[in-house]
Every structure is written in structure tokens, then in C-alpha cells.
Amino acid sequence: MAQAVALSRRLRDLVTRPATGSGPARNLLVVVRADPIICGHSTEARNLAEAARQAGFEKVHLLTYPIEQLRDSGLPLKPMDSVRPYSEGIHVDRPTPIGDYKVLDGRLLYAISGHLVDLLHQCRGRTLVMGLYLVPHGEIVMNAVQSFWHSGRPLDVMTIAEAVGSDITNVVSNALRDGKFGSAQFVLTNFLMHDKPVAVSEFTKDLIVESGKQVDEVLGTNFAERLALRCGVSYPAIDTSEYVGLAEKRDEVDAVLAKRGLERDGYLLYLSRLVPAKGVDDLIVAYKASTLHGKKPLVICGTGPAKESLHELAGGDPSIRFFHDVGDAEKGPLMHGCLSYVFPSKPRPEFVETFGIAVVEKMLAGGRGPVITTETGGIPEASGGHALIHPAGDVEALRARLDELAGMSSEQRLALAGKAQGYALRFDRAEVLRKLAEATEGEPAEAMG
């Protein structure tokens, strides 16, 4: 085993490190579940790509899935005509499956890995290859890069693996619960094989290290120590400019609100995926019991597997409005104009909020509406405490926060929202990309982590 590890390291040392040394990154290739999926990390991929083009990167590609596969997946999708185009020079690649019916699984992964290899052959200078979600994108990235290690073809590449909540709370946690420790080992090993493994929050990093401890206890491995040492934190990249200028776009904001039959400071807003862990059921119950019920409508935007059950819970209440077709251009104005953005996320076995991108987006959007949310997972890192907080899953406490909101003056709400906006500027996409690029300057890490 020791000889195999040494050989793998030596192979990489020989074929990946340019004789003349490496300069700053010139290319960015990201493997991700991209638009039209409703997911904060598809937005993050877009933002990293846009930041890379603004920074002068030569080749920028998002590698993702064919539209027909996304439609068949059950994942929540935006209307295709609502997805904004990417800037010139950003390419969204959707390779089609390789092989025929005799290949039972993995046809898309094979296709995306192969397409990544083709792109790497075309890149000049240092290339950042990033996978958002470890499963299965970490495997796609490392399969492509390893093909160069063993080919003798020089390659100046730095690999970045970004682990999100579902990698740990879904894939690894399920593997540990079911006694499938080999699957957990596989995911953690892949994570450490990347030059720069990062988590989307300190909370997520703690989850990853704890998962490593559980694997170590059973298999006698040393994942926890290496994960604690090597895993960094890279908060999701957000386009702050899309939100902070909304105060100067009054006519544009009013037009979006009017289209939806809404007025400034005249509605409560939830805008995210409709899944049980987001706590929208708690919000509906709390709202019906609050003093705001019937006075300020509750607007629920998004789609997802909980859509039908939430309609049933609302029971046709005319004060609760559902919009399932909100596009990118409407999101900021809706957040800017609301009385409050309510995000009552709560931990569930299948999902824990490991950051809270939507919380940051609302904070950046400004206006006079503060955020009402919980301290679940990584949300405190996103909000910085500049929100009205209630315990996750506590419907009565949420109702009390809604009633408190009803009693706040416009000046009080504006002051809280203003502090929140200032805090949220730290998540600007250019700064996030700059830190990632700086963290990957120098020589690649050893192949086995």
C-alpha cells in the first residue's frame, strides 16, 4: 500500500508541475448542477464564472447536465425563459450520455469527465477545476485529472472540492447510519484528494470532521485529523451588485411588485425551495395565528416537493399567495420591497441549512424589511446575527416574532436591515474567487491528501 501511495504521488509530481513554475490562474472550469435548477449553489457557480470573466480569466466553463435529465430528476427548476443569459465568454456545457442501454449507470458522469478532459487539453496556463457538491462532482473532477497523471501529458491544474450540507447530511450520514462505511470512506477520500478541499461554512466543516471521526472509530482510519488540518472554509459567492443598487431602482422595483399585485412594505416574503426542511409549514401556521394575518399577505415563492402539501396547509386562505414562477429578475425587487423576509429553516435528517444564501441575498437587497430566521446550521454565519431570531421549529416563537415585527416602526426596521446589508457585503463574488485563487497558488497538494 505504501508503495502504491508513493507511486501515485510521484506520478503526479512528474506530470502536473510545470518546470518554469506557475503564475496566477487563467482558466476556471466548474462542475455543478447549474441553471435552471433552483439551488443556491447553481447561483454560486454563475457568480464564480462571472467573477472569473471580470478578473480576466481566458476560459470559463460550467459543466452540467442536459435539460431533459434535469426535467426528469424531480429537482425544482426555474422556468427556462426566466433564466438570465451568462456574460460573453462563459460557456455552459451539457454533454450527452456516453454509451447505450448496456451501461446501466454512470453514462452522464463518464460524458462529463470526458468533456472536462477535452477542455483541459485546450487550456493554457493554470486552470482551477472546481466541483460544487462532492457527490458525484468530486469523482468527475478527479477522474479527469487522474487521466492526465497517468498519461504523461503535462497539466497545470489546481482542484477545488466544495462540500455542501447534502454531501454530509445526506450521502455520508446515510452511509454511516446504514453501516456502509466504505461509501463514507470513498466520499471523504475523494474530498482529500483535491488540492483545496473547502466547506461552505464553519458549521459544515465541523460536520465533515465529525463524520471523519465516526469513520475512524469503525475503520481505524485517520480522516478526522486530516480533514481538520486541510479543509478550509469558502463562503458561497454572491453578486452583491445585483442587490445593493435596488434602492436607486425604485421604478423597476415598483413595476415588479405591481405585476404581482403587491406594494412596498405590504407583504411577508418567503422565497426559496419548497422542501420540509425550510420550515414553510411552520410559517403558514404561525402567520395564520399572528396579528399580521389578513392585514399583510404572506407571499410564498418557489417550487419543490412540498408544494402540494403547503397548498393544502394554506387551505385556500386568500391572505396566503403562492408564486411558483418567479425568475431571476424578480427575486431582488421582491426581497427589497417586502415587510420582512422569513426563512424559518429547521434541521431534518435529510437536510440541514449549512449556510443560507437566500438570507444573504435578502440582506443585500436592503429595503425596510428585516430577516426573520433561525440559528439552524450555518445560518448564523450568513446573518451575522442581524435578524430577528426564533428557535427552529418553534411555531409559537415564530408567531411572536411576526407580532413583534408588526409593532416595529419603519425606522426600526430600516436600521436593522441597514446593518444586515453592511455585514453581507463580505460575501461578494469577486472577493470569494480572489481568496480561492490565492489559496491555490503554488504547487499542487500531494495526490493522496
Protein backbone atom coordinates (compact mmCIF):
# COMPACT_ATOMS: atom_id res chain seq x y z
CA MET A 1 0.00 0.00 0.00
CA ALA A 2 2.81 2.40 0.91
CA GLN A 3 4.50 1.74 -2.42
CA ALA A 4 1.24 2.44 -4.28
CA VAL A 5 0.78 5.72 -2.46
CA ALA A 6 4.36 6.76 -3.17
CA LEU A 7 4.00 5.85 -6.85
CA SER A 8 0.76 7.85 -7.15
CA ARG A 9 2.43 10.89 -5.60
CA ARG A 10 5.48 10.53 -7.83
CA LEU A 11 3.35 10.25 -10.98
CA ARG A 12 1.54 13.43 -10.11
CA ASP A 13 4.77 15.18 -9.22
CA LEU A 14 6.18 14.34 -12.63
CA VAL A 15 3.28 15.28 -14.85
CA THR A 16 1.44 18.15 -13.20
CA ARG A 17 4.10 20.62 -12.12
CA PRO A 18 5.42 22.91 -14.87
CA ALA A 19 9.20 23.21 -15.00
CA THR A 20 9.03 27.01 -15.10
CA GLY A 21 6.63 27.43 -12.16
CA SER A 22 3.03 28.60 -12.15
CA GLY A 23 1.56 32.06 -12.38
CA PRO A 24 -1.94 33.20 -11.43
CA ALA A 25 -4.96 31.20 -12.56
CA ARG A 26 -6.10 31.85 -16.13
CA ASN A 27 -8.98 29.40 -16.53
CA LEU A 28 -11.94 28.24 -14.43
CA LEU A 29 -13.85 25.02 -15.05
CA VAL A 30 -16.73 24.29 -12.65
CA VAL A 31 -18.69 21.04 -12.41
CA VAL A 32 -22.11 21.80 -10.93
CA ARG A 33 -25.85 21.32 -11.12
CA ALA A 34 -26.35 24.63 -12.91
CA ASP A 35 -29.36 26.66 -14.04
CA PRO A 36 -32.27 26.14 -14.37
CA ILE A 37 -32.10 24.26 -11.05
CA ILE A 38 -33.38 26.29 -8.08
CA CYS A 39 -30.41 25.94 -5.81
CA GLY A 40 -28.07 28.40 -4.14
CA HIS A 41 -25.05 26.60 -5.50
CA SER A 42 -26.18 26.90 -9.10
CA THR A 43 -26.27 30.64 -8.40
CA GLU A 44 -22.83 30.39 -6.80
CA ALA A 45 -21.44 28.71 -9.92
CA ARG A 46 -22.83 31.52 -12.07
CA ASN A 47 -21.29 34.11 -9.75
CA LEU A 48 -17.86 32.46 -9.75
CA ALA A 49 -17.96 32.30 -13.55
CA GLU A 50 -18.94 35.95 -13.86
CA ALA A 51 -16.24 36.98 -11.38
CA ALA A 52 -13.67 34.98 -13.32
CA ARG A 53 -14.53 36.74 -16.57
CA GLN A 54 -14.37 40.14 -14.87
CA ALA A 55 -10.96 39.18 -13.49
CA GLY A 56 -9.70 38.40 -17.00
CA PHE A 57 -9.78 34.59 -16.97
CA GLU A 58 -9.44 33.29 -20.51
CA LYS A 59 -11.54 30.14 -20.48
CA VAL A 60 -14.60 29.80 -18.22
CA HIS A 61 -16.92 26.80 -18.46
CA LEU A 62 -19.72 25.38 -16.33
CA LEU A 63 -20.07 21.63 -16.90
CA THR A 64 -23.55 20.38 -16.07
CA TYR A 65 -26.41 18.14 -17.12
CA PRO A 66 -28.69 18.01 -20.19
CA ILE A 67 -32.01 19.79 -19.72
CA GLU A 68 -34.01 16.60 -20.29
CA GLN A 69 -32.16 14.88 -17.41
CA LEU A 70 -32.91 17.83 -15.12
CA ARG A 71 -36.59 17.73 -16.02
CA ASP A 72 -36.74 14.00 -15.24
CA SER A 73 -34.83 14.36 -11.96
CA GLY A 74 -37.58 15.79 -9.77
CA LEU A 75 -35.35 18.72 -8.78
CA PRO A 76 -37.09 22.13 -8.58
CA LEU A 77 -36.48 24.10 -11.79
CA LYS A 78 -36.95 27.71 -12.81
CA PRO A 79 -38.96 28.44 -15.97
CA MET A 80 -36.41 28.31 -18.78
CA ASP A 81 -37.45 31.72 -20.10
CA SER A 82 -36.71 33.29 -16.71
CA VAL A 83 -33.03 32.28 -16.65
CA ARG A 84 -30.82 35.25 -17.44
CA PRO A 85 -28.09 34.77 -20.05
CA TYR A 86 -24.50 34.46 -18.94
CA SER A 87 -21.92 37.07 -19.91
CA GLU A 88 -19.97 36.68 -23.12
CA GLY A 89 -17.13 34.21 -22.70
CA ILE A 90 -18.94 31.98 -20.19
CA HIS A 91 -19.89 28.60 -21.64
CA VAL A 92 -22.47 26.23 -20.15
CA ASP A 93 -21.63 22.74 -21.40
CA ARG A 94 -24.20 19.93 -21.22
CA PRO A 95 -22.52 16.74 -22.51
CA THR A 96 -24.89 13.98 -23.59
CA PRO A 97 -24.58 10.47 -22.10
CA ILE A 98 -21.87 8.16 -23.41
CA GLY A 99 -22.73 4.54 -24.23
CA ASP A 100 -26.05 2.81 -24.74
CA TYR A 101 -28.55 0.77 -22.75
CA LYS A 102 -25.93 -1.85 -21.81
CA VAL A 103 -24.32 0.73 -19.50
CA LEU A 104 -26.70 0.68 -16.55
CA ASP A 105 -25.43 3.76 -14.73
CA GLY A 106 -22.73 6.41 -14.90
CA ARG A 107 -23.21 7.34 -18.55
CA LEU A 108 -23.51 11.04 -17.76
CA LEU A 109 -20.61 11.01 -15.32
CA TYR A 110 -18.44 9.39 -17.99
CA ALA A 111 -19.53 12.02 -20.51
CA ILE A 112 -18.87 14.99 -18.21
CA SER A 113 -15.48 13.63 -17.12
CA GLY A 114 -14.51 13.11 -20.75
CA HIS A 115 -15.63 16.61 -21.70
CA LEU A 116 -13.59 18.01 -18.81
CA VAL A 117 -10.54 16.18 -20.17
CA ASP A 118 -11.15 17.74 -23.60
CA LEU A 119 -11.34 21.22 -22.06
CA LEU A 120 -8.16 20.69 -20.04
CA HIS A 121 -6.30 19.82 -23.24
CA GLN A 122 -7.35 23.23 -24.59
CA CYS A 123 -6.36 25.30 -21.54
CA ARG A 124 -3.19 27.36 -21.44
CA GLY A 125 -1.67 28.29 -18.11
CA ARG A 126 -3.00 27.48 -14.67
CA THR A 127 -6.54 26.13 -14.54
CA LEU A 128 -8.79 25.97 -11.50
CA VAL A 129 -11.09 22.94 -11.67
CA MET A 130 -13.86 23.15 -9.09
CA GLY A 131 -16.61 20.75 -8.12
CA LEU A 132 -19.64 22.11 -6.26
CA TYR A 133 -21.09 19.11 -4.41
CA LEU A 134 -18.77 16.17 -3.78
CA VAL A 135 -21.27 13.58 -4.94
CA PRO A 136 -20.79 12.97 -7.78
CA HIS A 137 -18.83 16.00 -8.95
CA GLY A 138 -15.71 15.30 -6.90
CA GLU A 139 -15.42 11.96 -8.63
CA ILE A 140 -15.90 13.58 -12.05
CA VAL A 141 -13.10 16.08 -11.36
CA MET A 142 -10.59 13.58 -10.01
CA ASN A 143 -11.29 11.03 -12.75
CA ALA A 144 -10.49 13.67 -15.36
CA VAL A 145 -7.35 14.92 -13.61
CA GLN A 146 -6.06 11.41 -12.85
CA SER A 147 -6.26 10.60 -16.54
CA PHE A 148 -3.54 13.22 -17.03
CA TRP A 149 -1.44 11.93 -14.14
CA HIS A 150 -1.06 8.60 -15.92
CA SER A 151 -0.86 9.89 -19.49
CA GLY A 152 2.43 11.74 -19.35
CA ARG A 153 0.71 14.92 -20.60
CA PRO A 154 1.82 17.98 -18.52
CA LEU A 155 -1.05 19.72 -16.78
CA ASP A 156 -1.03 22.87 -14.66
CA VAL A 157 -4.26 22.42 -12.70
CA MET A 158 -5.43 23.02 -9.17
CA THR A 159 -8.50 21.13 -8.00
CA ILE A 160 -11.03 22.56 -5.54
CA ALA A 161 -13.75 20.48 -3.90
CA GLU A 162 -16.54 22.37 -2.19
CA ALA A 163 -18.52 20.23 0.23
CA VAL A 164 -22.08 21.32 0.92
CA GLY A 165 -24.56 20.17 3.52
CA SER A 166 -26.17 17.42 1.49
CA ASP A 167 -22.78 15.78 0.91
CA ILE A 168 -22.55 15.12 4.64
CA THR A 169 -26.12 15.25 5.99
CA ASN A 170 -27.42 13.18 3.09
CA VAL A 171 -24.78 10.94 1.47
CA VAL A 172 -22.23 10.41 4.25
CA SER A 173 -24.76 10.44 7.11
CA ASN A 174 -26.96 7.88 5.36
CA ALA A 175 -23.94 5.68 4.70
CA LEU A 176 -22.92 5.85 8.37
CA ARG A 177 -26.46 5.18 9.57
CA ASP A 178 -26.79 2.14 7.34
CA GLY A 179 -23.35 0.77 8.24
CA LYS A 180 -22.00 1.42 4.75
CA PHE A 181 -18.68 2.76 5.96
CA GLY A 182 -16.96 2.03 2.68
CA SER A 183 -19.19 4.55 0.92
CA ALA A 184 -18.42 7.16 3.58
CA GLN A 185 -14.69 6.44 3.22
CA PHE A 186 -14.97 6.82 -0.55
CA VAL A 187 -16.52 10.30 -0.28
CA LEU A 188 -14.05 11.55 2.33
CA THR A 189 -11.07 10.15 0.42
CA ASN A 190 -12.19 11.86 -2.76
CA PHE A 191 -12.56 15.13 -0.85
CA LEU A 192 -8.99 14.93 0.43
CA MET A 193 -7.56 14.03 -2.96
CA HIS A 194 -8.32 17.56 -4.17
CA ASP A 195 -5.66 20.24 -3.83
CA LYS A 196 -8.01 22.52 -1.89
CA PRO A 197 -10.92 20.92 -0.04
CA VAL A 198 -13.29 23.57 1.30
CA ALA A 199 -16.60 23.68 3.15
CA VAL A 200 -19.29 26.32 2.65
CA SER A 201 -19.24 27.30 6.35
CA GLU A 202 -17.52 26.57 9.65
CA PHE A 203 -20.62 24.60 10.58
CA THR A 204 -20.19 22.40 7.51
CA LYS A 205 -16.50 21.87 8.27
CA ASP A 206 -17.39 20.71 11.78
CA LEU A 207 -19.89 18.26 10.28
CA ILE A 208 -17.23 16.92 7.93
CA VAL A 209 -14.67 16.44 10.70
CA GLU A 210 -17.25 14.72 12.90
CA SER A 211 -18.12 12.36 10.04
CA GLY A 212 -14.43 11.58 9.72
CA LYS A 213 -14.29 10.71 13.43
CA GLN A 214 -17.16 8.28 13.05
CA VAL A 215 -15.47 6.54 10.14
CA ASP A 216 -12.17 6.46 12.03
CA GLU A 217 -13.78 4.76 15.03
CA VAL A 218 -15.01 1.88 12.89
CA LEU A 219 -12.31 1.51 10.24
CA GLY A 220 -9.20 2.63 12.13
CA THR A 221 -8.52 5.42 9.63
CA ASN A 222 -7.28 8.94 10.35
CA PHE A 223 -9.74 11.07 8.39
CA ALA A 224 -10.67 13.45 11.21
CA GLU A 225 -7.13 14.67 11.74
CA ARG A 226 -6.52 15.26 8.04
CA LEU A 227 -9.91 16.88 7.50
CA ALA A 228 -9.39 19.29 10.40
CA LEU A 229 -5.95 20.21 9.01
CA ARG A 230 -6.70 20.55 5.31
CA CYS A 231 -10.34 21.57 4.99
CA GLY A 232 -10.79 25.30 4.59
CA VAL A 233 -13.92 27.45 4.53
CA SER A 234 -15.09 29.28 1.41
CA TYR A 235 -18.43 31.01 1.77
CA PRO A 236 -20.73 30.94 -1.27
CA ALA A 237 -20.01 33.63 -3.86
CA ILE A 238 -22.80 36.18 -4.29
CA ASP A 239 -23.24 39.00 -6.80
CA THR A 240 -23.64 41.87 -4.35
CA SER A 241 -24.04 44.41 -7.17
CA GLU A 242 -27.28 42.74 -8.23
CA TYR A 243 -28.89 43.64 -4.91
CA VAL A 244 -27.27 46.67 -3.28
CA GLY A 245 -28.35 49.09 -6.01
CA LEU A 246 -32.06 48.33 -5.77
CA ALA A 247 -32.76 51.39 -3.63
CA GLU A 248 -31.89 53.53 -6.66
CA LYS A 249 -34.13 51.48 -8.97
CA ARG A 250 -37.43 52.49 -7.47
CA ASP A 251 -39.45 52.37 -10.69
CA GLU A 252 -38.07 48.95 -11.59
CA VAL A 253 -38.88 47.56 -8.15
CA ASP A 254 -42.39 49.04 -8.18
CA ALA A 255 -43.05 47.55 -11.62
CA VAL A 256 -42.14 44.05 -10.42
CA LEU A 257 -44.32 44.43 -7.34
CA ALA A 258 -47.25 45.80 -9.34
CA LYS A 259 -47.05 42.85 -11.72
CA ARG A 260 -47.60 40.58 -8.73
CA GLY A 261 -50.27 42.77 -7.14
CA LEU A 262 -48.01 43.81 -4.27
CA GLU A 263 -46.97 47.06 -2.58
CA ARG A 264 -43.80 48.11 -0.75
CA ASP A 265 -43.77 47.05 2.91
CA GLY A 266 -47.10 45.39 2.25
CA TYR A 267 -46.27 41.67 2.37
CA LEU A 268 -44.26 38.99 4.12
CA LEU A 269 -42.00 37.01 1.81
CA TYR A 270 -40.61 33.51 1.66
CA LEU A 271 -38.52 32.79 -1.46
CA SER A 272 -36.59 29.53 -1.73
CA ARG A 273 -37.17 25.86 -2.44
CA LEU A 274 -40.34 24.28 -1.08
CA VAL A 275 -38.98 21.37 0.95
CA PRO A 276 -39.83 20.27 4.51
CA ALA A 277 -36.51 21.44 5.99
CA LYS A 278 -37.18 25.06 5.03
CA GLY A 279 -39.95 25.34 7.64
CA VAL A 280 -42.58 26.87 5.36
CA ASP A 281 -45.22 24.76 7.11
CA ASP A 282 -44.28 26.43 10.41
CA LEU A 283 -44.51 29.82 8.71
CA ILE A 284 -48.03 29.20 7.41
CA VAL A 285 -49.29 28.09 10.83
CA ALA A 286 -47.55 30.95 12.65
CA TYR A 287 -48.80 33.52 10.16
CA LYS A 288 -52.42 32.39 10.50
CA ALA A 289 -52.15 32.92 14.28
CA SER A 290 -50.36 36.28 14.05
CA THR A 291 -51.71 39.82 14.13
CA LEU A 292 -50.47 40.28 10.55
CA HIS A 293 -52.89 37.68 9.20
CA GLY A 294 -55.42 39.31 6.92
CA LYS A 295 -53.58 42.63 7.07
CA LYS A 296 -50.37 41.85 5.20
CA PRO A 297 -50.38 38.90 2.79
CA LEU A 298 -47.87 36.08 3.09
CA VAL A 299 -46.20 35.53 -0.30
CA ILE A 300 -44.56 32.14 -0.81
CA CYS A 301 -42.30 31.91 -3.87
CA GLY A 302 -40.60 28.80 -5.18
CA THR A 303 -41.28 25.21 -6.06
CA GLY A 304 -40.28 21.78 -4.83
CA PRO A 305 -41.59 18.50 -3.44
CA ALA A 306 -43.53 20.17 -0.58
CA LYS A 307 -45.54 22.33 -2.98
CA GLU A 308 -48.83 20.40 -2.83
CA SER A 309 -48.77 19.82 0.94
CA LEU A 310 -48.18 23.54 1.56
CA HIS A 311 -51.15 24.46 -0.61
CA GLU A 312 -53.26 22.03 1.43
CA LEU A 313 -51.99 23.55 4.69
CA ALA A 314 -52.82 27.05 3.45
CA GLY A 315 -56.36 25.80 2.81
CA GLY A 316 -57.20 28.39 0.19
CA ASP A 317 -56.61 31.28 2.59
CA PRO A 318 -56.78 34.41 0.38
CA SER A 319 -54.09 36.06 2.51
CA ILE A 320 -51.56 33.39 1.51
CA ARG A 321 -50.34 33.72 -2.07
CA PHE A 322 -48.16 31.24 -3.95
CA PHE A 323 -45.94 32.21 -6.89
CA HIS A 324 -44.21 29.21 -8.47
CA ASP A 325 -42.78 31.02 -11.49
CA VAL A 326 -40.53 33.70 -10.01
CA GLY A 327 -37.47 34.29 -12.18
CA ASP A 328 -34.05 35.78 -11.51
CA ALA A 329 -35.08 39.31 -12.47
CA GLU A 330 -37.90 39.39 -9.91
CA LYS A 331 -36.04 37.97 -6.92
CA GLY A 332 -34.16 41.09 -5.86
CA PRO A 333 -37.10 43.51 -6.16
CA LEU A 334 -39.38 41.13 -4.23
CA MET A 335 -36.80 40.90 -1.45
CA HIS A 336 -36.20 44.65 -1.41
CA GLY A 337 -39.87 45.57 -1.17
CA CYS A 338 -41.09 43.15 1.49
CA LEU A 339 -42.11 43.97 5.07
CA SER A 340 -39.93 41.05 6.13
CA TYR A 341 -38.21 38.08 4.56
CA VAL A 342 -38.99 34.98 6.63
CA PHE A 343 -36.71 31.95 6.41
CA PRO A 344 -37.68 29.50 9.21
CA SER A 345 -35.27 26.70 8.25
CA LYS A 346 -35.13 23.74 10.63
CA PRO A 347 -32.87 20.67 10.80
CA ARG A 348 -34.18 17.46 9.28
CA PRO A 349 -32.49 14.07 8.87
CA GLU A 350 -32.18 14.61 5.13
CA PHE A 351 -31.03 18.25 5.21
CA VAL A 352 -29.56 20.93 7.44
CA GLU A 353 -29.07 24.51 6.24
CA THR A 354 -25.30 24.79 6.06
CA PHE A 355 -25.15 28.48 5.11
CA GLY A 356 -28.25 30.34 3.94
CA ILE A 357 -27.58 32.03 0.62
CA ALA A 358 -31.13 33.36 0.39
CA VAL A 359 -30.69 35.09 3.75
CA VAL A 360 -27.62 36.93 2.46
CA GLU A 361 -29.36 37.86 -0.79
CA LYS A 362 -32.23 39.45 1.14
CA MET A 363 -29.82 41.29 3.43
CA LEU A 364 -28.00 42.68 0.41
CA ALA A 365 -31.29 43.73 -1.23
CA GLY A 366 -31.88 46.23 1.56
CA GLY A 367 -35.21 48.00 1.86
CA ARG A 368 -37.04 48.34 5.14
CA GLY A 369 -37.67 44.65 5.69
CA PRO A 370 -35.51 42.74 8.19
CA VAL A 371 -34.94 38.99 8.04
CA ILE A 372 -36.74 36.63 10.40
CA THR A 373 -34.88 33.33 10.64
CA THR A 374 -33.42 30.64 12.90
CA GLU A 375 -29.94 29.68 14.06
CA THR A 376 -30.01 26.36 12.25
CA GLY A 377 -26.68 25.11 10.90
CA GLY A 378 -24.67 27.79 9.15
CA ILE A 379 -27.38 30.47 9.10
CA PRO A 380 -25.69 32.47 11.92
CA GLU A 381 -22.61 32.76 9.70
CA ALA A 382 -24.80 34.09 6.89
CA SER A 383 -26.85 36.51 9.00
CA GLY A 384 -24.17 37.67 11.42
CA GLY A 385 -26.96 37.99 13.97
CA HIS A 386 -28.54 40.90 12.06
CA ALA A 387 -32.00 39.34 12.05
CA LEU A 388 -34.98 38.58 14.25
CA ILE A 389 -34.21 35.08 15.52
CA HIS A 390 -36.54 32.36 16.74
CA PRO A 391 -35.79 28.74 17.74
CA ALA A 392 -36.03 26.37 14.79
CA GLY A 393 -39.32 24.51 14.66
CA ASP A 394 -40.91 26.66 17.38
CA VAL A 395 -44.14 27.86 15.76
CA GLU A 396 -45.22 29.93 18.76
CA ALA A 397 -41.88 31.75 18.87
CA LEU A 398 -42.17 32.45 15.15
CA ARG A 399 -45.67 33.86 15.67
CA ALA A 400 -44.27 36.10 18.41
CA ARG A 401 -41.59 37.39 16.03
CA LEU A 402 -44.24 38.20 13.43
CA ASP A 403 -46.21 40.10 16.05
CA GLU A 404 -43.03 41.91 17.12
CA LEU A 405 -42.45 42.87 13.50
CA ALA A 406 -45.97 44.29 13.30
CA GLY A 407 -45.16 46.61 16.20
CA MET A 408 -41.84 47.89 14.82
CA SER A 409 -41.62 51.35 13.30
CA SER A 410 -40.35 51.90 9.79
CA GLU A 411 -37.19 53.44 11.24
CA GLN A 412 -36.51 50.41 13.45
CA ARG A 413 -36.92 48.02 10.56
CA LEU A 414 -34.72 50.18 8.31
CA ALA A 415 -31.94 50.33 10.93
CA LEU A 416 -31.87 46.54 11.31
CA ALA A 417 -31.93 46.00 7.56
CA GLY A 418 -29.16 48.54 7.04
CA LYS A 419 -26.80 46.80 9.48
CA ALA A 420 -27.58 43.49 7.79
CA GLN A 421 -26.74 44.88 4.35
CA GLY A 422 -23.36 46.15 5.53
CA TYR A 423 -22.49 42.76 7.02
CA ALA A 424 -23.50 40.85 3.89
CA LEU A 425 -21.09 42.71 1.60
CA ARG A 426 -18.29 40.38 2.75
CA PHE A 427 -19.73 37.60 0.56
CA ASP A 428 -19.07 39.42 -2.73
CA ARG A 429 -18.22 37.00 -5.53
CA ALA A 430 -15.02 38.78 -6.59
CA GLU A 431 -13.61 38.52 -3.08
CA VAL A 432 -14.57 34.84 -2.76
CA LEU A 433 -12.90 33.99 -6.09
CA ARG A 434 -9.81 36.01 -5.18
CA LYS A 435 -9.37 34.08 -1.94
CA LEU A 436 -9.85 30.74 -3.70
CA ALA A 437 -7.30 31.64 -6.36
CA GLU A 438 -4.79 32.81 -3.76
CA ALA A 439 -5.30 29.64 -1.73
CA THR A 440 -4.41 27.54 -4.77
CA GLU A 441 -1.27 29.41 -5.81
CA GLY A 442 1.95 27.44 -5.65
CA GLU A 443 2.37 23.71 -6.08
CA PRO A 444 -0.47 21.17 -6.09
CA ALA A 445 -1.04 19.13 -2.93
CA GLU A 446 0.02 15.51 -2.92
CA ALA A 447 -2.35 13.15 -4.64
CA MET A 448 -3.44 11.22 -1.59
CA GLY A 449 -4.23 14.26 0.57
